[in-house]
Amino acid sequence: MELALQAAVTALRAGGVVAYPTEAVYGMGCDPHDRAAFERVFALKQRPPTQGVLLIAADFAQVERYIDLARMPADALVRVRASWPGPHTWIFPRAATVPDWIAGSHAGIALRVTAHPLASALCRAFGGAIVSTSANRHGVAPARTAQAVREAFGSELAYILDGAVGDLDRPTPIRDAISGEQIRS
């Protein structure tokens, strides 16, 4: 598995788009600071970039830089951090340094510290958070296997990290980090 992780990281660092298993479906992602790679993700998905994406990470340190911590109440941050790592995506007030293309037309930024062992290992090996959006064309059901990703995208992806998705039957719920309000169930 170490060689596969290194191949995925090499592809990410070269500006490629990779696919990898997550808690419920296969994700598709790239280096969030590589705008050209980011635009390739949206072209592959055939989705408008104004929708934004979420970022996944191996630990809180990898997502902290994306959050405007001055706008986060301490009790809300404690609640969020208690849910991680895990299948919980939270919308935070975004730091001023976050590139606009990551959030699309949204004021906040969606983040998750994943508990999926392979997705987490990928972020750890990459050394930071990565873009995470479902591996599918817009309007088509997300892929749940590496084979389904291959069938949908063929050689359009730089790398497909083969592994089993987690036990969730749908993508992770999304909540507002400050209010706790559910945005996607």
Protein backbone atom coordinates (compact mmCIF):
# COMPACT_ATOMS: atom_id res chain seq x y z
CA MET A 1 0.00 0.00 0.00
CA GLU A 2 2.94 2.33 0.63
CA LEU A 3 3.80 2.36 -3.09
CA ALA A 4 0.20 3.16 -4.02
CA LEU A 5 0.09 6.03 -1.51
CA GLN A 6 3.36 7.40 -2.84
CA ALA A 7 2.06 7.22 -6.42
CA ALA A 8 -1.09 9.13 -5.40
CA VAL A 9 0.97 11.78 -3.59
CA THR A 10 3.30 12.13 -6.58
CA ALA A 11 0.24 12.66 -8.80
CA LEU A 12 -1.19 15.29 -6.40
CA ARG A 13 2.10 17.18 -6.23
CA ALA A 14 2.33 17.14 -10.04
CA GLY A 15 -1.05 18.87 -10.31
CA GLY A 16 -3.04 15.72 -10.98
CA VAL A 17 -6.54 14.76 -9.93
CA VAL A 18 -6.75 11.53 -7.94
CA ALA A 19 -9.60 9.34 -6.74
CA TYR A 20 -9.63 7.61 -3.35
CA PRO A 21 -12.09 5.85 -1.03
CA THR A 22 -13.83 7.80 1.75
CA GLU A 23 -16.39 7.03 4.43
CA ALA A 24 -19.22 6.43 1.93
CA VAL A 25 -18.14 6.93 -1.67
CA TYR A 26 -15.06 7.41 -3.78
CA GLY A 27 -13.73 10.93 -3.57
CA MET A 28 -11.97 12.91 -6.23
CA GLY A 29 -9.43 15.52 -5.28
CA CYS A 30 -6.31 17.53 -5.80
CA ASP A 31 -4.02 19.98 -4.07
CA PRO A 32 -6.44 22.76 -3.01
CA HIS A 33 -3.81 25.43 -3.74
CA ASP A 34 -3.24 24.33 -7.34
CA ARG A 35 -5.88 26.29 -9.23
CA ALA A 36 -5.32 24.46 -12.53
CA ALA A 37 -5.81 21.08 -10.82
CA PHE A 38 -8.85 22.45 -9.03
CA GLU A 39 -10.36 23.55 -12.33
CA ARG A 40 -9.70 20.06 -13.77
CA VAL A 41 -11.77 18.56 -10.93
CA PHE A 42 -14.75 20.70 -11.96
CA ALA A 43 -14.23 20.00 -15.64
CA LEU A 44 -14.18 16.26 -14.94
CA LYS A 45 -17.31 16.50 -12.82
CA GLN A 46 -18.96 18.81 -15.37
CA ARG A 47 -20.03 20.97 -12.43
CA PRO A 48 -19.87 24.74 -12.00
CA PRO A 49 -16.99 25.84 -9.73
CA THR A 50 -19.30 28.25 -7.89
CA GLN A 51 -20.53 25.24 -5.91
CA GLY A 52 -17.24 24.94 -4.05
CA VAL A 53 -15.82 21.79 -2.47
CA LEU A 54 -14.84 20.48 0.90
CA LEU A 55 -11.36 19.63 2.09
CA ILE A 56 -10.40 16.51 4.01
CA ALA A 57 -7.42 16.09 6.28
CA ALA A 58 -5.69 13.61 8.55
CA ASP A 59 -5.82 15.83 11.64
CA PHE A 60 -6.93 19.24 12.90
CA ALA A 61 -3.51 20.79 12.28
CA GLN A 62 -4.03 20.23 8.53
CA VAL A 63 -7.30 22.21 8.45
CA GLU A 64 -6.66 24.87 11.09
CA ARG A 65 -5.10 27.30 8.59
CA TYR A 66 -8.37 27.41 6.60
CA ILE A 67 -10.50 28.54 9.57
CA ASP A 68 -11.00 32.09 10.80
CA LEU A 69 -10.50 31.03 14.42
CA ALA A 70 -11.26 34.54 15.70
CA ARG A 71 -14.86 34.04 14.52
CA MET A 72 -15.23 30.56 16.05
CA PRO A 73 -16.78 30.40 19.53
CA ALA A 74 -14.66 28.20 21.80
CA ASP A 75 -17.56 25.88 22.69
CA ALA A 76 -18.38 25.32 19.01
CA LEU A 77 -14.77 24.47 18.25
CA VAL A 78 -14.73 21.97 21.13
CA ARG A 79 -17.92 20.34 19.74
CA VAL A 80 -16.47 20.06 16.24
CA ARG A 81 -13.12 18.71 17.37
CA ALA A 82 -14.87 16.08 19.53
CA SER A 83 -16.53 14.73 16.36
CA TRP A 84 -13.19 14.24 14.56
CA PRO A 85 -11.75 12.17 13.16
CA GLY A 86 -15.04 10.96 11.85
CA PRO A 87 -17.67 11.20 9.13
CA HIS A 88 -18.64 14.76 10.03
CA THR A 89 -18.17 17.69 7.66
CA TRP A 90 -18.44 21.18 9.13
CA ILE A 91 -18.78 24.61 7.51
CA PHE A 92 -16.47 27.14 9.16
CA PRO A 93 -15.89 30.84 8.71
CA ARG A 94 -12.97 30.80 6.31
CA ALA A 95 -9.65 32.46 6.87
CA ALA A 96 -8.86 35.46 4.67
CA THR A 97 -5.94 33.53 3.14
CA VAL A 98 -8.19 30.81 1.66
CA PRO A 99 -8.32 31.14 -2.14
CA ASP A 100 -11.81 32.05 -3.37
CA TRP A 101 -11.90 29.13 -5.79
CA ILE A 102 -11.98 26.60 -2.94
CA ALA A 103 -15.22 27.90 -1.45
CA GLY A 104 -16.91 28.89 -4.70
CA SER A 105 -19.73 31.34 -4.01
CA HIS A 106 -19.92 30.33 -0.32
CA ALA A 107 -18.77 32.55 2.55
CA GLY A 108 -17.54 29.58 4.60
CA ILE A 109 -15.36 26.57 4.01
CA ALA A 110 -16.32 22.91 4.42
CA LEU A 111 -13.78 20.76 6.27
CA ARG A 112 -13.54 17.19 7.57
CA VAL A 113 -10.88 15.33 9.49
CA THR A 114 -11.55 11.93 8.00
CA ALA A 115 -11.54 8.67 9.91
CA HIS A 116 -11.25 6.63 6.72
CA PRO A 117 -7.84 4.97 7.07
CA LEU A 118 -6.78 5.25 3.43
CA ALA A 119 -8.05 8.81 2.90
CA SER A 120 -6.38 9.84 6.14
CA ALA A 121 -3.12 8.13 5.13
CA LEU A 122 -3.25 9.96 1.80
CA CYS A 123 -3.58 13.35 3.52
CA ARG A 124 -0.81 12.45 5.97
CA ALA A 125 1.52 11.35 3.15
CA PHE A 126 0.65 14.46 1.12
CA GLY A 127 1.34 16.64 4.15
CA GLY A 128 -1.90 18.59 4.12
CA ALA A 129 -5.57 18.79 3.33
CA ILE A 130 -6.83 17.80 -0.11
CA VAL A 131 -9.95 18.60 -2.10
CA SER A 132 -12.70 16.04 -1.62
CA THR A 133 -15.73 15.84 -3.85
CA SER A 134 -17.59 12.72 -4.91
CA ALA A 135 -16.07 10.88 -7.87
CA ASN A 136 -18.86 11.24 -10.40
CA ARG A 137 -20.08 13.44 -13.20
CA HIS A 138 -22.59 16.05 -12.03
CA GLY A 139 -26.02 14.47 -11.64
CA VAL A 140 -24.73 10.87 -11.69
CA ALA A 141 -24.56 8.66 -8.59
CA PRO A 142 -21.13 8.71 -6.88
CA ALA A 143 -18.78 5.79 -7.49
CA ARG A 144 -18.36 3.34 -4.61
CA THR A 145 -15.54 1.23 -6.09
CA ALA A 146 -12.27 1.84 -7.91
CA GLN A 147 -13.70 -0.07 -10.87
CA ALA A 148 -16.70 2.28 -11.06
CA VAL A 149 -14.30 5.25 -11.03
CA ARG A 150 -12.29 3.66 -13.88
CA GLU A 151 -15.49 3.10 -15.87
CA ALA A 152 -16.63 6.69 -15.34
CA PHE A 153 -13.32 8.49 -15.94
CA GLY A 154 -10.96 6.07 -17.67
CA SER A 155 -7.55 7.69 -18.06
CA GLU A 156 -8.79 11.21 -17.22
CA LEU A 157 -7.54 10.85 -13.64
CA ALA A 158 -3.87 10.94 -12.70
CA TYR A 159 -4.27 8.12 -10.17
CA ILE A 160 -6.93 5.91 -8.56
CA LEU A 161 -6.09 4.73 -5.05
CA ASP A 162 -7.77 1.35 -4.76
CA GLY A 163 -9.50 0.48 -1.49
CA ALA A 164 -12.84 -0.13 0.17
CA VAL A 165 -15.18 2.72 1.05
CA GLY A 166 -16.47 2.99 4.61
CA ASP A 167 -19.80 1.84 6.00
CA LEU A 168 -21.88 4.97 5.37
CA ASP A 169 -24.64 4.59 2.79
CA ARG A 170 -24.48 8.25 1.70
CA PRO A 171 -21.94 11.10 1.74
CA THR A 172 -21.17 12.58 5.15
CA PRO A 173 -23.62 14.98 6.76
CA ILE A 174 -22.66 18.66 6.66
CA ARG A 175 -23.35 21.02 9.57
CA ASP A 176 -22.64 24.65 10.36
CA ALA A 177 -19.72 24.69 12.81
CA ILE A 178 -21.01 27.69 14.78
CA SER A 179 -24.74 26.96 15.01
CA GLY A 180 -24.67 23.18 14.61
CA GLU A 181 -27.47 23.51 12.03
CA GLN A 182 -27.68 20.59 9.60
CA ILE A 183 -27.05 21.64 5.99
CA ARG A 184 -26.91 18.18 4.35
CA SER A 185 -28.20 15.04 6.00
